[in-house]
């Protein structure tokens, strides 16, 4: 029976970690570089459906500046 090659397995795990880290970094760069930033992840929402910072939906006939 052949013995397990632990060095090969360890190297594969290291390569997988490195690839995952690079993918995360690349994703961060694309989010950072996009004009909408983090908040533009859901383009299906109209600006009319966005909530105010206090959690209330915006009023349609609001005359406040």
C-alpha atoms as a PDB file:
ATOM      1  CA  UNK A   1       0.000   0.000   0.000  1.00  0.00           C
ATOM      2  CA  UNK A   2       1.304   3.448  -0.913  1.00  0.00           C
ATOM      3  CA  UNK A   3       1.937   6.043   1.763  1.00  0.00           C
ATOM      4  CA  UNK A   4       0.088   9.368   1.606  1.00  0.00           C
ATOM      5  CA  UNK A   5       2.020  12.275   0.183  1.00  0.00           C
ATOM      6  CA  UNK A   6       1.427  14.864   2.899  1.00  0.00           C
ATOM      7  CA  UNK A   7       3.595  17.491   1.226  1.00  0.00           C
ATOM      8  CA  UNK A   8       1.450  17.353  -1.916  1.00  0.00           C
ATOM      9  CA  UNK A   9      -1.769  17.637   0.099  1.00  0.00           C
ATOM     10  CA  UNK A  10      -0.390  20.578   2.092  1.00  0.00           C
ATOM     11  CA  UNK A  11       0.721  22.346  -1.091  1.00  0.00           C
ATOM     12  CA  UNK A  12      -2.758  21.896  -2.612  1.00  0.00           C
ATOM     13  CA  UNK A  13      -4.368  23.398   0.507  1.00  0.00           C
ATOM     14  CA  UNK A  14      -1.942  26.341   0.385  1.00  0.00           C
ATOM     15  CA  UNK A  15      -2.696  26.935  -3.301  1.00  0.00           C
ATOM     16  CA  UNK A  16      -6.444  26.823  -2.621  1.00  0.00           C
ATOM     17  CA  UNK A  17      -6.062  29.372   0.208  1.00  0.00           C
ATOM     18  CA  UNK A  18      -3.963  31.634  -2.007  1.00  0.00           C
ATOM     19  CA  UNK A  19      -6.505  31.455  -4.847  1.00  0.00           C
ATOM     20  CA  UNK A  20      -9.396  32.218  -2.490  1.00  0.00           C
ATOM     21  CA  UNK A  21      -7.527  35.183  -1.010  1.00  0.00           C
ATOM     22  CA  UNK A  22      -6.750  36.562  -4.481  1.00  0.00           C
ATOM     23  CA  UNK A  23     -10.399  36.167  -5.527  1.00  0.00           C
ATOM     24  CA  UNK A  24     -11.561  38.054  -2.438  1.00  0.00           C
ATOM     25  CA  UNK A  25      -9.041  40.826  -3.080  1.00  0.00           C
ATOM     26  CA  UNK A  26     -10.107  41.071  -6.730  1.00  0.00           C
ATOM     27  CA  UNK A  27     -13.784  41.250  -5.683  1.00  0.00           C
ATOM     28  CA  UNK A  28     -12.981  44.025  -3.187  1.00  0.00           C
ATOM     29  CA  UNK A  29     -11.110  45.952  -5.871  1.00  0.00           C
ATOM     30  CA  UNK A  30     -14.059  45.751  -8.267  1.00  0.00           C
ATOM     31  CA  UNK A  31     -16.512  46.878  -5.572  1.00  0.00           C
ATOM     32  CA  UNK A  32     -14.189  49.699  -4.539  1.00  0.00           C
ATOM     33  CA  UNK A  33     -13.707  50.816  -8.135  1.00  0.00           C
ATOM     34  CA  UNK A  34     -17.380  50.726  -9.090  1.00  0.00           C
ATOM     35  CA  UNK A  35     -19.199  54.084  -9.147  1.00  0.00           C
ATOM     36  CA  UNK A  36     -21.941  52.806  -6.844  1.00  0.00           C
ATOM     37  CA  UNK A  37     -19.595  51.291  -4.281  1.00  0.00           C
ATOM     38  CA  UNK A  38     -20.991  48.751  -1.833  1.00  0.00           C
ATOM     39  CA  UNK A  39     -24.452  50.240  -1.946  1.00  0.00           C
ATOM     40  CA  UNK A  40     -24.938  49.568  -5.648  1.00  0.00           C
ATOM     41  CA  UNK A  41     -25.044  45.791  -5.274  1.00  0.00           C
ATOM     42  CA  UNK A  42     -28.789  45.563  -5.958  1.00  0.00           C
ATOM     43  CA  UNK A  43     -29.541  47.541  -9.122  1.00  0.00           C
ATOM     44  CA  UNK A  44     -33.166  46.327  -9.162  1.00  0.00           C
ATOM     45  CA  UNK A  45     -34.114  48.756  -6.386  1.00  0.00           C
ATOM     46  CA  UNK A  46     -35.306  52.141  -7.556  1.00  0.00           C
ATOM     47  CA  UNK A  47     -34.254  55.231  -5.596  1.00  0.00           C
ATOM     48  CA  UNK A  48     -37.933  55.602  -4.639  1.00  0.00           C
ATOM     49  CA  UNK A  49     -37.723  52.352  -2.669  1.00  0.00           C
ATOM     50  CA  UNK A  50     -34.662  53.265  -0.631  1.00  0.00           C
ATOM     51  CA  UNK A  51     -35.143  53.920   3.084  1.00  0.00           C
ATOM     52  CA  UNK A  52     -34.025  57.007   4.960  1.00  0.00           C
ATOM     53  CA  UNK A  53     -31.199  56.567   7.504  1.00  0.00           C
ATOM     54  CA  UNK A  54     -33.781  56.414  10.320  1.00  0.00           C
ATOM     55  CA  UNK A  55     -35.403  53.364   8.668  1.00  0.00           C
ATOM     56  CA  UNK A  56     -38.532  55.043   7.322  1.00  0.00           C
ATOM     57  CA  UNK A  57     -39.447  54.984   3.627  1.00  0.00           C
ATOM     58  CA  UNK A  58     -39.256  58.377   1.892  1.00  0.00           C
ATOM     59  CA  UNK A  59     -42.452  60.351   1.573  1.00  0.00           C
ATOM     60  CA  UNK A  60     -43.661  60.964  -1.989  1.00  0.00           C
ATOM     61  CA  UNK A  61     -45.057  64.462  -1.361  1.00  0.00           C
ATOM     62  CA  UNK A  62     -42.424  65.686   1.059  1.00  0.00           C
ATOM     63  CA  UNK A  63     -41.614  69.398   0.727  1.00  0.00           C
ATOM     64  CA  UNK A  64     -38.601  69.197   3.042  1.00  0.00           C
ATOM     65  CA  UNK A  65     -35.210  70.169   1.522  1.00  0.00           C
END
